[in-house]
N, C-alpha and C. Protein backbone atom coordinates (compact mmCIF):
# COMPACT_ATOMS: atom_id res chain seq x y z
N MET A 1 0.83 -1.17 0.00
CA MET A 1 0.00 0.00 0.00
C MET A 1 0.88 1.24 0.00
N GLU A 2 0.34 2.30 -0.50
CA GLU A 2 1.08 3.55 -0.57
C GLU A 2 1.28 4.13 0.83
N PRO A 3 2.41 4.80 1.06
CA PRO A 3 2.69 5.36 2.38
C PRO A 3 1.60 6.30 2.90
N ALA A 4 1.05 7.14 2.04
CA ALA A 4 0.02 8.08 2.48
C ALA A 4 -1.23 7.34 2.94
N TYR A 5 -1.61 6.29 2.20
CA TYR A 5 -2.76 5.49 2.59
C TYR A 5 -2.50 4.80 3.93
N TYR A 6 -1.31 4.24 4.08
CA TYR A 6 -0.94 3.58 5.33
C TYR A 6 -1.04 4.56 6.50
N ARG A 7 -0.46 5.73 6.35
CA ARG A 7 -0.51 6.73 7.42
C ARG A 7 -1.95 7.09 7.77
N ARG A 8 -2.80 7.21 6.75
CA ARG A 8 -4.19 7.57 7.00
C ARG A 8 -4.94 6.47 7.74
N VAL A 9 -4.85 5.21 7.27
CA VAL A 9 -5.63 4.15 7.91
C VAL A 9 -5.11 3.83 9.31
N VAL A 10 -3.79 3.87 9.49
CA VAL A 10 -3.25 3.63 10.83
C VAL A 10 -3.59 4.80 11.74
N GLY A 11 -3.52 6.01 11.22
CA GLY A 11 -3.91 7.19 12.01
C GLY A 11 -5.36 7.12 12.44
N ASP A 12 -6.24 6.72 11.52
CA ASP A 12 -7.66 6.56 11.87
C ASP A 12 -7.83 5.54 12.99
N TRP A 13 -7.11 4.42 12.89
CA TRP A 13 -7.20 3.37 13.92
C TRP A 13 -6.70 3.90 15.26
N LEU A 14 -5.56 4.59 15.26
CA LEU A 14 -5.00 5.10 16.51
C LEU A 14 -5.89 6.17 17.13
N ASN A 15 -6.74 6.78 16.32
CA ASN A 15 -7.68 7.79 16.84
C ASN A 15 -9.05 7.19 17.16
N GLY A 16 -9.10 5.86 17.33
CA GLY A 16 -10.34 5.23 17.76
C GLY A 16 -11.13 4.50 16.68
N GLY A 17 -10.63 4.48 15.46
CA GLY A 17 -11.33 3.79 14.38
C GLY A 17 -11.05 2.29 14.39
N ALA A 18 -11.55 1.64 13.36
CA ALA A 18 -11.36 0.19 13.23
C ALA A 18 -9.92 -0.13 12.84
N PHE A 19 -9.43 -1.27 13.31
CA PHE A 19 -8.11 -1.73 12.92
C PHE A 19 -8.11 -1.96 11.41
N PRO A 20 -7.08 -1.51 10.69
CA PRO A 20 -7.05 -1.64 9.22
C PRO A 20 -6.70 -3.06 8.79
N ALA A 21 -7.61 -3.99 9.06
CA ALA A 21 -7.37 -5.41 8.80
C ALA A 21 -7.08 -5.70 7.34
N LEU A 22 -7.78 -5.07 6.43
CA LEU A 22 -7.59 -5.37 5.01
C LEU A 22 -6.27 -4.83 4.48
N GLY A 23 -5.64 -3.94 5.19
CA GLY A 23 -4.35 -3.42 4.76
C GLY A 23 -3.17 -4.11 5.43
N LEU A 24 -3.38 -4.62 6.64
CA LEU A 24 -2.27 -5.20 7.40
C LEU A 24 -2.35 -6.72 7.55
N THR A 25 -3.44 -7.32 7.10
CA THR A 25 -3.58 -8.77 7.08
C THR A 25 -4.24 -9.15 5.75
N SER A 26 -4.32 -10.43 5.50
CA SER A 26 -5.02 -10.89 4.30
C SER A 26 -5.62 -12.27 4.58
N LEU A 27 -6.38 -12.76 3.61
CA LEU A 27 -6.96 -14.10 3.68
C LEU A 27 -6.50 -14.90 2.48
N ARG A 28 -6.27 -16.18 2.69
CA ARG A 28 -5.93 -17.06 1.56
C ARG A 28 -6.72 -18.35 1.70
N ARG A 29 -7.01 -18.93 0.56
CA ARG A 29 -7.74 -20.20 0.54
C ARG A 29 -6.73 -21.34 0.42
N GLU A 30 -6.86 -22.32 1.29
CA GLU A 30 -6.00 -23.50 1.23
C GLU A 30 -6.55 -24.50 0.22
N SER A 31 -5.77 -25.49 -0.12
CA SER A 31 -6.18 -26.46 -1.14
C SER A 31 -7.45 -27.22 -0.77
N ASN A 32 -7.74 -27.36 0.53
CA ASN A 32 -8.96 -28.05 0.96
C ASN A 32 -10.17 -27.13 1.04
N GLY A 33 -9.99 -25.85 0.69
CA GLY A 33 -11.09 -24.89 0.72
C GLY A 33 -11.16 -24.03 1.97
N ALA A 34 -10.35 -24.33 2.98
CA ALA A 34 -10.35 -23.52 4.20
C ALA A 34 -9.81 -22.12 3.90
N MET A 35 -10.33 -21.11 4.60
CA MET A 35 -9.82 -19.74 4.50
C MET A 35 -9.02 -19.45 5.76
N VAL A 36 -7.79 -18.95 5.58
CA VAL A 36 -6.89 -18.70 6.68
C VAL A 36 -6.35 -17.28 6.57
N SER A 37 -6.27 -16.59 7.68
CA SER A 37 -5.70 -15.24 7.67
C SER A 37 -4.18 -15.33 7.59
N LEU A 38 -3.59 -14.27 7.11
CA LEU A 38 -2.13 -14.11 7.08
C LEU A 38 -1.79 -12.76 7.66
N GLY A 39 -0.87 -12.74 8.62
CA GLY A 39 -0.45 -11.47 9.21
C GLY A 39 -0.95 -11.25 10.62
N LEU A 40 -2.09 -11.82 10.97
CA LEU A 40 -2.60 -11.64 12.32
C LEU A 40 -1.66 -12.28 13.33
N GLY A 41 -1.02 -13.38 12.94
CA GLY A 41 -0.08 -14.06 13.83
C GLY A 41 1.08 -13.16 14.26
N LEU A 42 1.48 -12.24 13.41
CA LEU A 42 2.54 -11.29 13.78
C LEU A 42 2.08 -10.34 14.88
N LEU A 43 0.78 -10.14 14.98
CA LEU A 43 0.24 -9.19 15.95
C LEU A 43 -0.18 -9.85 17.25
N ILE A 44 -0.79 -11.04 17.18
CA ILE A 44 -1.29 -11.68 18.41
C ILE A 44 -0.81 -13.13 18.57
N GLY A 45 -0.08 -13.65 17.59
CA GLY A 45 0.41 -15.02 17.69
C GLY A 45 -0.57 -16.08 17.21
N GLN A 46 -1.69 -15.66 16.62
CA GLN A 46 -2.71 -16.59 16.13
C GLN A 46 -3.26 -16.10 14.79
N GLU A 47 -3.62 -17.05 13.95
CA GLU A 47 -4.30 -16.76 12.69
C GLU A 47 -5.72 -17.30 12.77
N LEU A 48 -6.63 -16.71 12.00
CA LEU A 48 -8.00 -17.22 11.91
C LEU A 48 -8.05 -18.35 10.91
N ARG A 49 -8.95 -19.31 11.14
CA ARG A 49 -9.14 -20.43 10.22
C ARG A 49 -10.62 -20.74 10.10
N PHE A 50 -11.13 -20.67 8.88
CA PHE A 50 -12.51 -21.02 8.58
C PHE A 50 -12.48 -22.30 7.75
N GLU A 51 -13.00 -23.38 8.29
CA GLU A 51 -13.07 -24.63 7.53
C GLU A 51 -14.06 -24.44 6.39
N PRO A 52 -13.93 -25.25 5.33
CA PRO A 52 -14.86 -25.11 4.21
C PRO A 52 -16.30 -25.28 4.68
N GLU A 53 -17.13 -24.32 4.33
CA GLU A 53 -18.54 -24.37 4.70
C GLU A 53 -19.33 -23.74 3.57
N ARG A 54 -20.24 -24.50 3.03
CA ARG A 54 -21.01 -24.01 1.88
C ARG A 54 -21.94 -22.85 2.20
N SER A 55 -22.30 -22.71 3.47
CA SER A 55 -23.25 -21.65 3.81
C SER A 55 -22.60 -20.27 3.90
N LEU A 56 -21.27 -20.20 3.91
CA LEU A 56 -20.58 -18.92 4.00
C LEU A 56 -19.88 -18.61 2.68
N SER A 57 -20.21 -17.48 2.10
CA SER A 57 -19.52 -17.04 0.89
C SER A 57 -18.15 -16.47 1.28
N ALA A 58 -17.28 -16.32 0.30
CA ALA A 58 -15.98 -15.71 0.56
C ALA A 58 -16.15 -14.30 1.11
N GLY A 59 -17.15 -13.57 0.62
CA GLY A 59 -17.42 -12.22 1.13
C GLY A 59 -17.84 -12.23 2.59
N ALA A 60 -18.66 -13.21 2.97
CA ALA A 60 -19.09 -13.33 4.37
C ALA A 60 -17.91 -13.64 5.26
N VAL A 61 -17.05 -14.54 4.81
CA VAL A 61 -15.85 -14.87 5.59
C VAL A 61 -14.98 -13.63 5.76
N ALA A 62 -14.84 -12.83 4.71
CA ALA A 62 -14.03 -11.61 4.79
C ALA A 62 -14.64 -10.62 5.79
N ARG A 63 -15.96 -10.43 5.73
CA ARG A 63 -16.61 -9.49 6.67
C ARG A 63 -16.45 -9.96 8.12
N ILE A 64 -16.65 -11.25 8.36
CA ILE A 64 -16.50 -11.80 9.70
C ILE A 64 -15.04 -11.64 10.14
N SER A 65 -14.10 -11.92 9.25
CA SER A 65 -12.68 -11.84 9.58
C SER A 65 -12.27 -10.43 9.97
N VAL A 66 -12.70 -9.44 9.21
CA VAL A 66 -12.33 -8.05 9.51
C VAL A 66 -12.80 -7.67 10.91
N ARG A 67 -14.02 -8.02 11.24
CA ARG A 67 -14.54 -7.69 12.57
C ARG A 67 -13.77 -8.44 13.66
N LEU A 68 -13.53 -9.74 13.45
CA LEU A 68 -12.80 -10.52 14.45
C LEU A 68 -11.36 -10.04 14.61
N ILE A 69 -10.71 -9.70 13.52
CA ILE A 69 -9.34 -9.21 13.61
C ILE A 69 -9.30 -7.95 14.45
N HIS A 70 -10.23 -7.04 14.25
CA HIS A 70 -10.30 -5.82 15.07
C HIS A 70 -10.45 -6.19 16.55
N GLU A 71 -11.37 -7.10 16.85
CA GLU A 71 -11.59 -7.53 18.24
C GLU A 71 -10.34 -8.17 18.84
N LEU A 72 -9.68 -9.03 18.06
CA LEU A 72 -8.52 -9.75 18.57
C LEU A 72 -7.30 -8.87 18.76
N VAL A 73 -7.10 -7.90 17.88
CA VAL A 73 -5.99 -6.96 18.06
C VAL A 73 -6.22 -6.14 19.33
N THR A 74 -7.47 -5.87 19.64
CA THR A 74 -7.80 -5.12 20.85
C THR A 74 -7.67 -5.97 22.10
N SER A 75 -8.16 -7.22 22.05
CA SER A 75 -8.22 -8.04 23.26
C SER A 75 -7.08 -9.03 23.42
N GLY A 76 -6.37 -9.35 22.35
CA GLY A 76 -5.25 -10.29 22.44
C GLY A 76 -5.65 -11.71 22.08
N PRO A 77 -4.70 -12.63 22.18
CA PRO A 77 -4.94 -14.01 21.76
C PRO A 77 -6.00 -14.71 22.61
N VAL A 78 -6.56 -15.77 22.05
CA VAL A 78 -7.60 -16.56 22.70
C VAL A 78 -6.98 -17.88 23.14
N ASP A 79 -7.10 -18.23 24.43
CA ASP A 79 -6.50 -19.48 24.90
C ASP A 79 -7.51 -20.57 25.22
N SER A 80 -8.80 -20.25 25.12
CA SER A 80 -9.85 -21.25 25.30
C SER A 80 -11.04 -20.82 24.43
N PRO A 81 -11.97 -21.73 24.13
CA PRO A 81 -13.09 -21.35 23.26
C PRO A 81 -13.76 -20.06 23.74
N ARG A 82 -14.06 -19.20 22.79
CA ARG A 82 -14.64 -17.89 23.13
C ARG A 82 -15.66 -17.50 22.07
N GLU A 83 -16.76 -16.91 22.52
CA GLU A 83 -17.80 -16.45 21.60
C GLU A 83 -17.61 -14.96 21.31
N PHE A 84 -17.91 -14.60 20.08
CA PHE A 84 -17.92 -13.22 19.63
C PHE A 84 -19.26 -12.99 18.94
N THR A 85 -19.62 -11.74 18.76
CA THR A 85 -20.83 -11.40 18.02
C THR A 85 -20.42 -10.80 16.68
N GLY A 86 -20.96 -11.35 15.60
CA GLY A 86 -20.65 -10.86 14.27
C GLY A 86 -21.38 -9.57 13.96
N ALA A 87 -21.04 -8.96 12.85
CA ALA A 87 -21.62 -7.68 12.45
C ALA A 87 -23.13 -7.75 12.28
N ASP A 88 -23.64 -8.91 11.88
CA ASP A 88 -25.08 -9.08 11.70
C ASP A 88 -25.75 -9.74 12.90
N GLY A 89 -25.05 -9.76 14.04
CA GLY A 89 -25.61 -10.33 15.25
C GLY A 89 -25.43 -11.83 15.39
N GLU A 90 -24.76 -12.46 14.41
CA GLU A 90 -24.54 -13.90 14.49
C GLU A 90 -23.53 -14.22 15.59
N VAL A 91 -23.65 -15.40 16.17
CA VAL A 91 -22.73 -15.84 17.22
C VAL A 91 -21.58 -16.59 16.56
N LEU A 92 -20.38 -16.17 16.86
CA LEU A 92 -19.18 -16.78 16.32
C LEU A 92 -18.44 -17.47 17.45
N LEU A 93 -18.01 -18.68 17.22
CA LEU A 93 -17.22 -19.41 18.21
C LEU A 93 -15.80 -19.54 17.68
N ALA A 94 -14.83 -19.06 18.44
CA ALA A 94 -13.41 -19.15 18.08
C ALA A 94 -12.76 -20.15 19.03
N VAL A 95 -12.19 -21.21 18.46
CA VAL A 95 -11.58 -22.27 19.25
C VAL A 95 -10.11 -22.40 18.86
N PRO A 96 -9.20 -22.29 19.82
CA PRO A 96 -7.78 -22.48 19.49
C PRO A 96 -7.52 -23.90 18.99
N VAL A 97 -6.79 -24.01 17.88
CA VAL A 97 -6.39 -25.30 17.31
C VAL A 97 -4.92 -25.21 16.91
N ARG A 98 -4.36 -26.35 16.51
CA ARG A 98 -2.97 -26.41 16.06
C ARG A 98 -2.03 -25.80 17.09
N GLY A 99 -2.18 -26.27 18.33
CA GLY A 99 -1.32 -25.78 19.41
C GLY A 99 -1.53 -24.33 19.76
N GLY A 100 -2.70 -23.79 19.42
CA GLY A 100 -3.02 -22.39 19.70
C GLY A 100 -2.58 -21.43 18.63
N ALA A 101 -1.94 -21.94 17.56
CA ALA A 101 -1.45 -21.06 16.49
C ALA A 101 -2.57 -20.55 15.60
N GLN A 102 -3.71 -21.23 15.60
CA GLN A 102 -4.85 -20.81 14.79
C GLN A 102 -6.11 -20.81 15.65
N LEU A 103 -7.07 -20.00 15.23
CA LEU A 103 -8.40 -19.98 15.84
C LEU A 103 -9.39 -20.48 14.80
N ARG A 104 -9.96 -21.64 15.06
CA ARG A 104 -10.99 -22.15 14.16
C ARG A 104 -12.27 -21.38 14.47
N VAL A 105 -12.82 -20.74 13.46
CA VAL A 105 -14.00 -19.90 13.65
C VAL A 105 -15.20 -20.61 13.03
N MET A 106 -16.25 -20.73 13.84
CA MET A 106 -17.49 -21.35 13.39
C MET A 106 -18.64 -20.40 13.66
N VAL A 107 -19.60 -20.37 12.77
CA VAL A 107 -20.79 -19.56 12.94
C VAL A 107 -21.86 -20.46 13.52
N ARG A 108 -22.36 -20.09 14.69
CA ARG A 108 -23.42 -20.86 15.33
C ARG A 108 -24.73 -20.53 14.67
N LYS A 109 -25.48 -21.56 14.37
CA LYS A 109 -26.76 -21.37 13.69
C LYS A 109 -27.91 -21.52 14.64
């Protein structure tokens, strides 16, 4: 990203705005279809992991991820199962997996 954009989004965050998740982290799809964050581990020691689920579009996973990344940067790593509330009021369960290096995120229905 351009330096001016970086200064603006980080400045907005430091002044009380949302963490610039889309600029400082990313999502990638694994060969099995899981979506995993990249970069969050540098900040809190954990990455998000969404197992393949037909009911969630890639856009929905991105929206949920941005909100969760903001929450996690604020609150720190998760060491036991924890519930979060999604942007649309959905209940999200984050469970540490892979020795705590990832948080498996599930949407409770």
